[in-house]
Amino acid sequence: MGIVESTYAELKQQELNNKPYSCLHMSDIDINPHQIEAFTFALSSLELGGVILADEVGLGKTIEAGLVIKYLLCSGKDKILLIMPSNLRKQWQVEL
């Protein structure tokens, strides 16, 4: 990782230190900068009715969705609707 990428990653990680994102530090995963961007976009989209995470295979949609779910649970939400293909349910149960 070059100096630009590492600085960018550091700044994005600092975003998580600020509320409302501080509860995300309780996770045991390494969060990539693009996943933080997707997370912040998803949060801003929730006020407009929701969001669809549709990145390419392998970019971490499960992690991005998990971040949003964790944030919502930390914020006191007790009902979250997830829509996904049925073949992903088992994977999500294992990964989340």
PDB file of N, CA and C in Angstrom:
ATOM      1  N   MET A   1       0.857  -1.170   0.000  1.00  0.00           N
ATOM      2  CA  MET A   1       0.000   0.000   0.000  1.00  0.00           C
ATOM      3  C   MET A   1       0.903   1.233   0.000  1.00  0.00           C
ATOM      4  N   GLY A   2       0.641   2.162  -0.910  1.00  0.00           N
ATOM      5  CA  GLY A   2       1.435   3.380  -1.014  1.00  0.00           C
ATOM      6  C   GLY A   2       1.073   4.402   0.043  1.00  0.00           C
ATOM      7  N   ILE A   3       1.808   5.506   0.052  1.00  0.00           N
ATOM      8  CA  ILE A   3       1.597   6.561   1.057  1.00  0.00           C
ATOM      9  C   ILE A   3       0.206   7.181   0.926  1.00  0.00           C
ATOM     10  N   VAL A   4      -0.251   7.374  -0.307  1.00  0.00           N
ATOM     11  CA  VAL A   4      -1.576   7.976  -0.510  1.00  0.00           C
ATOM     12  C   VAL A   4      -2.667   7.048   0.012  1.00  0.00           C
ATOM     13  N   GLU A   5      -2.555   5.775  -0.344  1.00  0.00           N
ATOM     14  CA  GLU A   5      -3.563   4.814   0.098  1.00  0.00           C
ATOM     15  C   GLU A   5      -3.562   4.650   1.608  1.00  0.00           C
ATOM     16  N   SER A   6      -2.369   4.597   2.210  1.00  0.00           N
ATOM     17  CA  SER A   6      -2.312   4.409   3.663  1.00  0.00           C
ATOM     18  C   SER A   6      -2.821   5.644   4.399  1.00  0.00           C
ATOM     19  N   THR A   7      -2.529   6.835   3.867  1.00  0.00           N
ATOM     20  CA  THR A   7      -3.046   8.063   4.485  1.00  0.00           C
ATOM     21  C   THR A   7      -4.563   8.110   4.369  1.00  0.00           C
ATOM     22  N   TYR A   8      -5.066   7.757   3.194  1.00  0.00           N
ATOM     23  CA  TYR A   8      -6.511   7.726   2.978  1.00  0.00           C
ATOM     24  C   TYR A   8      -7.173   6.726   3.919  1.00  0.00           C
ATOM     25  N   ALA A   9      -6.588   5.547   4.029  1.00  0.00           N
ATOM     26  CA  ALA A   9      -7.126   4.524   4.924  1.00  0.00           C
ATOM     27  C   ALA A   9      -7.119   5.008   6.368  1.00  0.00           C
ATOM     28  N   GLU A  10      -6.063   5.710   6.746  1.00  0.00           N
ATOM     29  CA  GLU A  10      -5.964   6.241   8.110  1.00  0.00           C
ATOM     30  C   GLU A  10      -7.064   7.270   8.367  1.00  0.00           C
ATOM     31  N   LEU A  11      -7.293   8.157   7.401  1.00  0.00           N
ATOM     32  CA  LEU A  11      -8.345   9.168   7.555  1.00  0.00           C
ATOM     33  C   LEU A  11      -9.727   8.524   7.628  1.00  0.00           C
ATOM     34  N   LYS A  12      -9.949   7.522   6.801  1.00  0.00           N
ATOM     35  CA  LYS A  12     -11.238   6.839   6.835  1.00  0.00           C
ATOM     36  C   LYS A  12     -11.431   6.112   8.164  1.00  0.00           C
ATOM     37  N   GLN A  13     -10.360   5.545   8.696  1.00  0.00           N
ATOM     38  CA  GLN A  13     -10.461   4.864   9.986  1.00  0.00           C
ATOM     39  C   GLN A  13     -10.770   5.876  11.088  1.00  0.00           C
ATOM     40  N   GLN A  14     -10.214   7.094  10.983  1.00  0.00           N
ATOM     41  CA  GLN A  14     -10.496   8.135  11.973  1.00  0.00           C
ATOM     42  C   GLN A  14     -11.966   8.533  11.949  1.00  0.00           C
ATOM     43  N   GLU A  15     -12.591   8.440  10.762  1.00  0.00           N
ATOM     44  CA  GLU A  15     -14.025   8.722  10.675  1.00  0.00           C
ATOM     45  C   GLU A  15     -14.807   7.828  11.626  1.00  0.00           C
ATOM     46  N   LEU A  16     -14.349   6.592  11.771  1.00  0.00           N
ATOM     47  CA  LEU A  16     -15.052   5.646  12.630  1.00  0.00           C
ATOM     48  C   LEU A  16     -14.940   6.009  14.102  1.00  0.00           C
ATOM     49  N   ASN A  17     -13.942   6.821  14.458  1.00  0.00           N
ATOM     50  CA  ASN A  17     -13.789   7.230  15.851  1.00  0.00           C
ATOM     51  C   ASN A  17     -14.852   8.238  16.258  1.00  0.00           C
ATOM     52  N   ASN A  18     -15.420   8.929  15.294  1.00  0.00           N
ATOM     53  CA  ASN A  18     -16.416   9.951  15.570  1.00  0.00           C
ATOM     54  C   ASN A  18     -17.795   9.321  15.668  1.00  0.00           C
ATOM     55  N   LYS A  19     -18.598   9.840  16.575  1.00  0.00           N
ATOM     56  CA  LYS A  19     -19.977   9.380  16.649  1.00  0.00           C
ATOM     57  C   LYS A  19     -20.646   9.766  15.350  1.00  0.00           C
ATOM     58  N   PRO A  20     -21.550   9.029  14.803  1.00  0.00           N
ATOM     59  CA  PRO A  20     -22.227   7.865  15.360  1.00  0.00           C
ATOM     60  C   PRO A  20     -21.534   6.543  15.076  1.00  0.00           C
ATOM     61  N   TYR A  21     -20.303   6.587  14.602  1.00  0.00           N
ATOM     62  CA  TYR A  21     -19.649   5.374  14.136  1.00  0.00           C
ATOM     63  C   TYR A  21     -18.821   4.664  15.196  1.00  0.00           C
ATOM     64  N   SER A  22     -18.730   5.195  16.390  1.00  0.00           N
ATOM     65  CA  SER A  22     -17.817   4.643  17.391  1.00  0.00           C
ATOM     66  C   SER A  22     -18.143   3.200  17.776  1.00  0.00           C
ATOM     67  N   CYS A  23     -19.386   2.783  17.688  1.00  0.00           N
ATOM     68  CA  CYS A  23     -19.725   1.404  18.067  1.00  0.00           C
ATOM     69  C   CYS A  23     -19.130   0.388  17.106  1.00  0.00           C
ATOM     70  N   LEU A  24     -18.703   0.823  15.942  1.00  0.00           N
ATOM     71  CA  LEU A  24     -18.151  -0.106  14.963  1.00  0.00           C
ATOM     72  C   LEU A  24     -16.769  -0.603  15.343  1.00  0.00           C
ATOM     73  N   HIS A  25     -16.119   0.052  16.283  1.00  0.00           N
ATOM     74  CA  HIS A  25     -14.795  -0.397  16.714  1.00  0.00           C
ATOM     75  C   HIS A  25     -14.867  -1.692  17.502  1.00  0.00           C
ATOM     76  N   MET A  26     -16.048  -2.103  17.881  1.00  0.00           N
ATOM     77  CA  MET A  26     -16.192  -3.339  18.638  1.00  0.00           C
ATOM     78  C   MET A  26     -16.087  -4.571  17.745  1.00  0.00           C
ATOM     79  N   SER A  27     -15.937  -4.375  16.443  1.00  0.00           N
ATOM     80  CA  SER A  27     -15.861  -5.530  15.546  1.00  0.00           C
ATOM     81  C   SER A  27     -14.432  -6.043  15.448  1.00  0.00           C
ATOM     82  N   ASP A  28     -14.310  -7.305  15.105  1.00  0.00           N
ATOM     83  CA  ASP A  28     -13.002  -7.954  15.002  1.00  0.00           C
ATOM     84  C   ASP A  28     -12.519  -8.044  13.563  1.00  0.00           C
ATOM     85  N   ILE A  29     -13.021  -7.185  12.695  1.00  0.00           N
ATOM     86  CA  ILE A  29     -12.637  -7.255  11.288  1.00  0.00           C
ATOM     87  C   ILE A  29     -11.853  -6.012  10.894  1.00  0.00           C
ATOM     88  N   ASP A  30     -11.056  -6.158   9.852  1.00  0.00           N
ATOM     89  CA  ASP A  30     -10.374  -5.010   9.266  1.00  0.00           C
ATOM     90  C   ASP A  30     -11.303  -4.415   8.226  1.00  0.00           C
ATOM     91  N   ILE A  31     -11.585  -3.130   8.377  1.00  0.00           N
ATOM     92  CA  ILE A  31     -12.512  -2.459   7.477  1.00  0.00           C
ATOM     93  C   ILE A  31     -11.697  -1.672   6.456  1.00  0.00           C
ATOM     94  N   ASN A  32     -11.949  -1.926   5.178  1.00  0.00           N
ATOM     95  CA  ASN A  32     -11.252  -1.231   4.103  1.00  0.00           C
ATOM     96  C   ASN A  32     -11.884   0.133   3.849  1.00  0.00           C
ATOM     97  N   PRO A  33     -11.111   1.089   3.315  1.00  0.00           N
ATOM     98  CA  PRO A  33     -11.651   2.434   3.061  1.00  0.00           C
ATOM     99  C   PRO A  33     -12.910   2.432   2.197  1.00  0.00           C
ATOM    100  N   HIS A  34     -12.958   1.605   1.154  1.00  0.00           N
ATOM    101  CA  HIS A  34     -14.150   1.607   0.296  1.00  0.00           C
ATOM    102  C   HIS A  34     -15.368   1.074   1.048  1.00  0.00           C
ATOM    103  N   GLN A  35     -15.150   0.227   2.057  1.00  0.00           N
ATOM    104  CA  GLN A  35     -16.267  -0.276   2.850  1.00  0.00           C
ATOM    105  C   GLN A  35     -16.781   0.806   3.795  1.00  0.00           C
ATOM    106  N   ILE A  36     -15.887   1.652   4.285  1.00  0.00           N
ATOM    107  CA  ILE A  36     -16.319   2.782   5.114  1.00  0.00           C
ATOM    108  C   ILE A  36     -17.137   3.748   4.267  1.00  0.00           C
ATOM    109  N   GLU A  37     -16.694   3.986   3.029  1.00  0.00           N
ATOM    110  CA  GLU A  37     -17.456   4.861   2.133  1.00  0.00           C
ATOM    111  C   GLU A  37     -18.842   4.285   1.861  1.00  0.00           C
ATOM    112  N   ALA A  38     -18.909   2.991   1.593  1.00  0.00           N
ATOM    113  CA  ALA A  38     -20.205   2.352   1.346  1.00  0.00           C
ATOM    114  C   ALA A  38     -21.091   2.436   2.585  1.00  0.00           C
ATOM    115  N   PHE A  39     -20.486   2.253   3.752  1.00  0.00           N
ATOM    116  CA  PHE A  39     -21.219   2.342   5.016  1.00  0.00           C
ATOM    117  C   PHE A  39     -21.800   3.737   5.218  1.00  0.00           C
ATOM    118  N   THR A  40     -20.976   4.773   5.024  1.00  0.00           N
ATOM    119  CA  THR A  40     -21.471   6.139   5.225  1.00  0.00           C
ATOM    120  C   THR A  40     -22.531   6.489   4.184  1.00  0.00           C
ATOM    121  N   PHE A  41     -22.359   6.008   2.951  1.00  0.00           N
ATOM    122  CA  PHE A  41     -23.372   6.227   1.924  1.00  0.00           C
ATOM    123  C   PHE A  41     -24.677   5.534   2.308  1.00  0.00           C
ATOM    124  N   ALA A  42     -24.576   4.310   2.787  1.00  0.00           N
ATOM    125  CA  ALA A  42     -25.768   3.562   3.186  1.00  0.00           C
ATOM    126  C   ALA A  42     -26.504   4.274   4.312  1.00  0.00           C
ATOM    127  N   LEU A  43     -25.754   4.796   5.291  1.00  0.00           N
ATOM    128  CA  LEU A  43     -26.407   5.509   6.394  1.00  0.00           C
ATOM    129  C   LEU A  43     -27.142   6.738   5.899  1.00  0.00           C
ATOM    130  N   SER A  44     -26.518   7.496   5.005  1.00  0.00           N
ATOM    131  CA  SER A  44     -27.191   8.690   4.495  1.00  0.00           C
ATOM    132  C   SER A  44     -28.397   8.308   3.639  1.00  0.00           C
ATOM    133  N   SER A  45     -28.350   7.146   3.006  1.00  0.00           N
ATOM    134  CA  SER A  45     -29.464   6.692   2.167  1.00  0.00           C
ATOM    135  C   SER A  45     -30.631   6.147   2.981  1.00  0.00           C
ATOM    136  N   LEU A  46     -30.378   5.737   4.213  1.00  0.00           N
ATOM    137  CA  LEU A  46     -31.458   5.204   5.046  1.00  0.00           C
ATOM    138  C   LEU A  46     -32.558   6.229   5.244  1.00  0.00           C
ATOM    139  N   GLU A  47     -32.178   7.491   5.360  1.00  0.00           N
ATOM    140  CA  GLU A  47     -33.171   8.549   5.550  1.00  0.00           C
ATOM    141  C   GLU A  47     -34.042   8.727   4.314  1.00  0.00           C
ATOM    142  N   LEU A  48     -33.544   8.272   3.167  1.00  0.00           N
ATOM    143  CA  LEU A  48     -34.284   8.410   1.916  1.00  0.00           C
ATOM    144  C   LEU A  48     -35.052   7.146   1.553  1.00  0.00           C
ATOM    145  N   GLY A  49     -35.031   6.146   2.430  1.00  0.00           N
ATOM    146  CA  GLY A  49     -35.798   4.939   2.197  1.00  0.00           C
ATOM    147  C   GLY A  49     -34.999   3.658   2.101  1.00  0.00           C
ATOM    148  N   GLY A  50     -33.691   3.749   2.093  1.00  0.00           N
ATOM    149  CA  GLY A  50     -32.886   2.529   2.081  1.00  0.00           C
ATOM    150  C   GLY A  50     -31.801   2.561   1.031  1.00  0.00           C
ATOM    151  N   VAL A  51     -31.143   1.436   0.900  1.00  0.00           N
ATOM    152  CA  VAL A  51     -30.009   1.357  -0.008  1.00  0.00           C
ATOM    153  C   VAL A  51     -29.864  -0.076  -0.510  1.00  0.00           C
ATOM    154  N   ILE A  52     -29.324  -0.213  -1.704  1.00  0.00           N
ATOM    155  CA  ILE A  52     -28.959  -1.520  -2.246  1.00  0.00           C
ATOM    156  C   ILE A  52     -27.445  -1.549  -2.364  1.00  0.00           C
ATOM    157  N   LEU A  53     -26.816  -2.524  -1.736  1.00  0.00           N
ATOM    158  CA  LEU A  53     -25.370  -2.701  -1.856  1.00  0.00           C
ATOM    159  C   LEU A  53     -25.134  -3.669  -3.009  1.00  0.00           C
ATOM    160  N   ALA A  54     -24.571  -3.178  -4.091  1.00  0.00           N
ATOM    161  CA  ALA A  54     -24.436  -3.997  -5.299  1.00  0.00           C
ATOM    162  C   ALA A  54     -23.038  -3.882  -5.897  1.00  0.00           C
ATOM    163  N   ASP A  55     -22.020  -4.035  -5.070  1.00  0.00           N
ATOM    164  CA  ASP A  55     -20.640  -4.024  -5.555  1.00  0.00           C
ATOM    165  C   ASP A  55     -20.338  -5.316  -6.295  1.00  0.00           C
ATOM    166  N   GLU A  56     -19.159  -5.343  -6.911  1.00  0.00           N
ATOM    167  CA  GLU A  56     -18.715  -6.557  -7.592  1.00  0.00           C
ATOM    168  C   GLU A  56     -18.417  -7.647  -6.572  1.00  0.00           C
ATOM    169  N   VAL A  57     -18.336  -8.878  -7.060  1.00  0.00           N
ATOM    170  CA  VAL A  57     -18.032 -10.028  -6.211  1.00  0.00           C
ATOM    171  C   VAL A  57     -16.681  -9.816  -5.527  1.00  0.00           C
ATOM    172  N   GLY A  58     -16.648 -10.089  -4.221  1.00  0.00           N
ATOM    173  CA  GLY A  58     -15.393 -10.055  -3.484  1.00  0.00           C
ATOM    174  C   GLY A  58     -15.006  -8.722  -2.886  1.00  0.00           C
ATOM    175  N   LEU A  59     -15.839  -7.689  -3.033  1.00  0.00           N
ATOM    176  CA  LEU A  59     -15.490  -6.377  -2.488  1.00  0.00           C
ATOM    177  C   LEU A  59     -15.995  -6.163  -1.067  1.00  0.00           C
ATOM    178  N   GLY A  60     -16.733  -7.117  -0.530  1.00  0.00           N
ATOM    179  CA  GLY A  60     -17.109  -7.025   0.872  1.00  0.00           C
ATOM    180  C   GLY A  60     -18.496  -6.493   1.158  1.00  0.00           C
ATOM    181  N   LYS A  61     -19.470  -6.860   0.326  1.00  0.00           N
ATOM    182  CA  LYS A  61     -20.845  -6.419   0.579  1.00  0.00           C
ATOM    183  C   LYS A  61     -21.370  -6.946   1.906  1.00  0.00           C
ATOM    184  N   THR A  62     -20.973  -8.164   2.260  1.00  0.00           N
ATOM    185  CA  THR A  62     -21.411  -8.735   3.535  1.00  0.00           C
ATOM    186  C   THR A  62     -20.875  -7.899   4.689  1.00  0.00           C
ATOM    187  N   ILE A  63     -19.630  -7.492   4.610  1.00  0.00           N
ATOM    188  CA  ILE A  63     -19.045  -6.644   5.653  1.00  0.00           C
ATOM    189  C   ILE A  63     -19.740  -5.292   5.674  1.00  0.00           C
ATOM    190  N   GLU A  64     -19.976  -4.699   4.508  1.00  0.00           N
ATOM    191  CA  GLU A  64     -20.651  -3.400   4.441  1.00  0.00           C
ATOM    192  C   GLU A  64     -22.036  -3.483   5.079  1.00  0.00           C
ATOM    193  N   ALA A  65     -22.792  -4.516   4.722  1.00  0.00           N
ATOM    194  CA  ALA A  65     -24.124  -4.691   5.306  1.00  0.00           C
ATOM    195  C   ALA A  65     -24.023  -4.940   6.802  1.00  0.00           C
ATOM    196  N   GLY A  66     -23.041  -5.727   7.213  1.00  0.00           N
ATOM    197  CA  GLY A  66     -22.840  -5.988   8.638  1.00  0.00           C
ATOM    198  C   GLY A  66     -22.551  -4.723   9.419  1.00  0.00           C
ATOM    199  N   LEU A  67     -21.785  -3.805   8.821  1.00  0.00           N
ATOM    200  CA  LEU A  67     -21.500  -2.527   9.479  1.00  0.00           C
ATOM    201  C   LEU A  67     -22.782  -1.727   9.683  1.00  0.00           C
ATOM    202  N   VAL A  68     -23.615  -1.700   8.655  1.00  0.00           N
ATOM    203  CA  VAL A  68     -24.884  -0.971   8.763  1.00  0.00           C
ATOM    204  C   VAL A  68     -25.774  -1.620   9.819  1.00  0.00           C
ATOM    205  N   ILE A  69     -25.855  -2.945   9.801  1.00  0.00           N
ATOM    206  CA  ILE A  69     -26.674  -3.661  10.785  1.00  0.00           C
ATOM    207  C   ILE A  69     -26.178  -3.375  12.197  1.00  0.00           C
ATOM    208  N   LYS A  70     -24.872  -3.448  12.396  1.00  0.00           N
ATOM    209  CA  LYS A  70     -24.310  -3.192  13.724  1.00  0.00           C
ATOM    210  C   LYS A  70     -24.603  -1.767  14.174  1.00  0.00           C
ATOM    211  N   TYR A  71     -24.454  -0.810  13.265  1.00  0.00           N
ATOM    212  CA  TYR A  71     -24.758   0.580  13.598  1.00  0.00           C
ATOM    213  C   TYR A  71     -26.219   0.724  14.016  1.00  0.00           C
ATOM    214  N   LEU A  72     -27.121   0.127  13.248  1.00  0.00           N
ATOM    215  CA  LEU A  72     -28.547   0.234  13.570  1.00  0.00           C
ATOM    216  C   LEU A  72     -28.861  -0.402  14.917  1.00  0.00           C
ATOM    217  N   LEU A  73     -28.270  -1.558  15.197  1.00  0.00           N
ATOM    218  CA  LEU A  73     -28.488  -2.207  16.493  1.00  0.00           C
ATOM    219  C   LEU A  73     -27.932  -1.359  17.630  1.00  0.00           C
ATOM    220  N   CYS A  74     -26.758  -0.759  17.431  1.00  0.00           N
ATOM    221  CA  CYS A  74     -26.174   0.126  18.452  1.00  0.00           C
ATOM    222  C   CYS A  74     -27.022   1.377  18.652  1.00  0.00           C
ATOM    223  N   SER A  75     -27.764   1.748  17.612  1.00  0.00           N
ATOM    224  CA  SER A  75     -28.608   2.942  17.684  1.00  0.00           C
ATOM    225  C   SER A  75     -29.972   2.649  18.288  1.00  0.00           C
ATOM    226  N   GLY A  76     -30.194   1.399  18.693  1.00  0.00           N
ATOM    227  CA  GLY A  76     -31.445   1.063  19.354  1.00  0.00           C
ATOM    228  C   GLY A  76     -32.511   0.466  18.453  1.00  0.00           C
ATOM    229  N   LYS A  77     -32.213   0.257  17.188  1.00  0.00           N
ATOM    230  CA  LYS A  77     -33.199  -0.369  16.295  1.00  0.00           C
ATOM    231  C   LYS A  77     -33.330  -1.838  16.666  1.00  0.00           C
ATOM    232  N   ASP A  78     -34.551  -2.341  16.623  1.00  0.00           N
ATOM    233  CA  ASP A  78     -34.733  -3.754  16.942  1.00  0.00           C
ATOM    234  C   ASP A  78     -35.318  -4.547  15.776  1.00  0.00           C
ATOM    235  N   LYS A  79     -35.636  -3.866  14.673  1.00  0.00           N
ATOM    236  CA  LYS A  79     -36.142  -4.549  13.486  1.00  0.00           C
ATOM    237  C   LYS A  79     -35.400  -4.018  12.261  1.00  0.00           C
ATOM    238  N   ILE A  80     -34.815  -4.951  11.513  1.00  0.00           N
ATOM    239  CA  ILE A  80     -34.070  -4.602  10.309  1.00  0.00           C
ATOM    240  C   ILE A  80     -34.491  -5.577   9.223  1.00  0.00           C
ATOM    241  N   LEU A  81     -34.877  -5.064   8.074  1.00  0.00           N
ATOM    242  CA  LEU A  81     -35.288  -5.908   6.958  1.00  0.00           C
ATOM    243  C   LEU A  81     -34.111  -6.103   6.011  1.00  0.00           C
ATOM    244  N   LEU A  82     -33.747  -7.356   5.786  1.00  0.00           N
ATOM    245  CA  LEU A  82     -32.694  -7.712   4.837  1.00  0.00           C
ATOM    246  C   LEU A  82     -33.319  -8.506   3.704  1.00  0.00           C
ATOM    247  N   ILE A  83     -33.025  -8.107   2.492  1.00  0.00           N
ATOM    248  CA  ILE A  83     -33.514  -8.831   1.322  1.00  0.00           C
ATOM    249  C   ILE A  83     -32.297  -9.305   0.544  1.00  0.00           C
ATOM    250  N   MET A  84     -32.234 -10.611   0.318  1.00  0.00           N
ATOM    251  CA  MET A  84     -31.086 -11.194  -0.387  1.00  0.00           C
ATOM    252  C   MET A  84     -31.535 -12.469  -1.069  1.00  0.00           C
ATOM    253  N   PRO A  85     -30.754 -12.948  -2.024  1.00  0.00           N
ATOM    254  CA  PRO A  85     -31.067 -14.248  -2.616  1.00  0.00           C
ATOM    255  C   PRO A  85     -31.031 -15.339  -1.543  1.00  0.00           C
ATOM    256  N   SER A  86     -31.917 -16.309  -1.666  1.00  0.00           N
ATOM    257  CA  SER A  86     -32.019 -17.341  -0.629  1.00  0.00           C
ATOM    258  C   SER A  86     -30.727 -18.133  -0.454  1.00  0.00           C
ATOM    259  N   ASN A  87     -29.928 -18.256  -1.503  1.00  0.00           N
ATOM    260  CA  ASN A  87     -28.686 -19.020  -1.380  1.00  0.00           C
ATOM    261  C   ASN A  87     -27.629 -18.295  -0.541  1.00  0.00           C
ATOM    262  N   LEU A  88     -27.856 -17.040  -0.200  1.00  0.00           N
ATOM    263  CA  LEU A  88     -26.903 -16.304   0.638  1.00  0.00           C
ATOM    264  C   LEU A  88     -27.228 -16.367   2.122  1.00  0.00           C
ATOM    265  N   ARG A  89     -28.419 -16.834   2.468  1.00  0.00           N
ATOM    266  CA  ARG A  89     -28.814 -16.850   3.890  1.00  0.00           C
ATOM    267  C   ARG A  89     -27.836 -17.624   4.755  1.00  0.00           C
ATOM    268  N   LYS A  90     -27.459 -18.802   4.330  1.00  0.00           N
ATOM    269  CA  LYS A  90     -26.541 -19.631   5.123  1.00  0.00           C
ATOM    270  C   LYS A  90     -25.181 -18.944   5.257  1.00  0.00           C
ATOM    271  N   GLN A  91     -24.684 -18.375   4.154  1.00  0.00           N
ATOM    272  CA  GLN A  91     -23.399 -17.670   4.190  1.00  0.00           C
ATOM    273  C   GLN A  91     -23.450 -16.522   5.194  1.00  0.00           C
ATOM    274  N   TRP A  92     -24.538 -15.769   5.185  1.00  0.00           N
ATOM    275  CA  TRP A  92     -24.650 -14.637   6.097  1.00  0.00           C
ATOM    276  C   TRP A  92     -24.764 -15.099   7.543  1.00  0.00           C
ATOM    277  N   GLN A  93     -25.458 -16.198   7.779  1.00  0.00           N
ATOM    278  CA  GLN A  93     -25.547 -16.722   9.143  1.00  0.00           C
ATOM    279  C   GLN A  93     -24.166 -17.085   9.657  1.00  0.00           C
ATOM    280  N   VAL A  94     -23.345 -17.654   8.809  1.00  0.00           N
ATOM    281  CA  VAL A  94     -21.993 -18.050   9.205  1.00  0.00           C
ATOM    282  C   VAL A  94     -21.107 -16.819   9.393  1.00  0.00           C
ATOM    283  N   GLU A  95     -21.157 -15.878   8.432  1.00  0.00           N
ATOM    284  CA  GLU A  95     -20.248 -14.739   8.446  1.00  0.00           C
ATOM    285  C   GLU A  95     -20.640 -13.660   9.444  1.00  0.00           C
ATOM    286  N   LEU A  96     -21.929 -13.512   9.697  1.00  0.00           N
ATOM    287  CA  LEU A  96     -22.345 -12.446  10.605  1.00  0.00           C
ATOM    288  C   LEU A  96     -22.626 -13.006  11.980  1.00  0.00           C
TER     289      LEU A  96
END
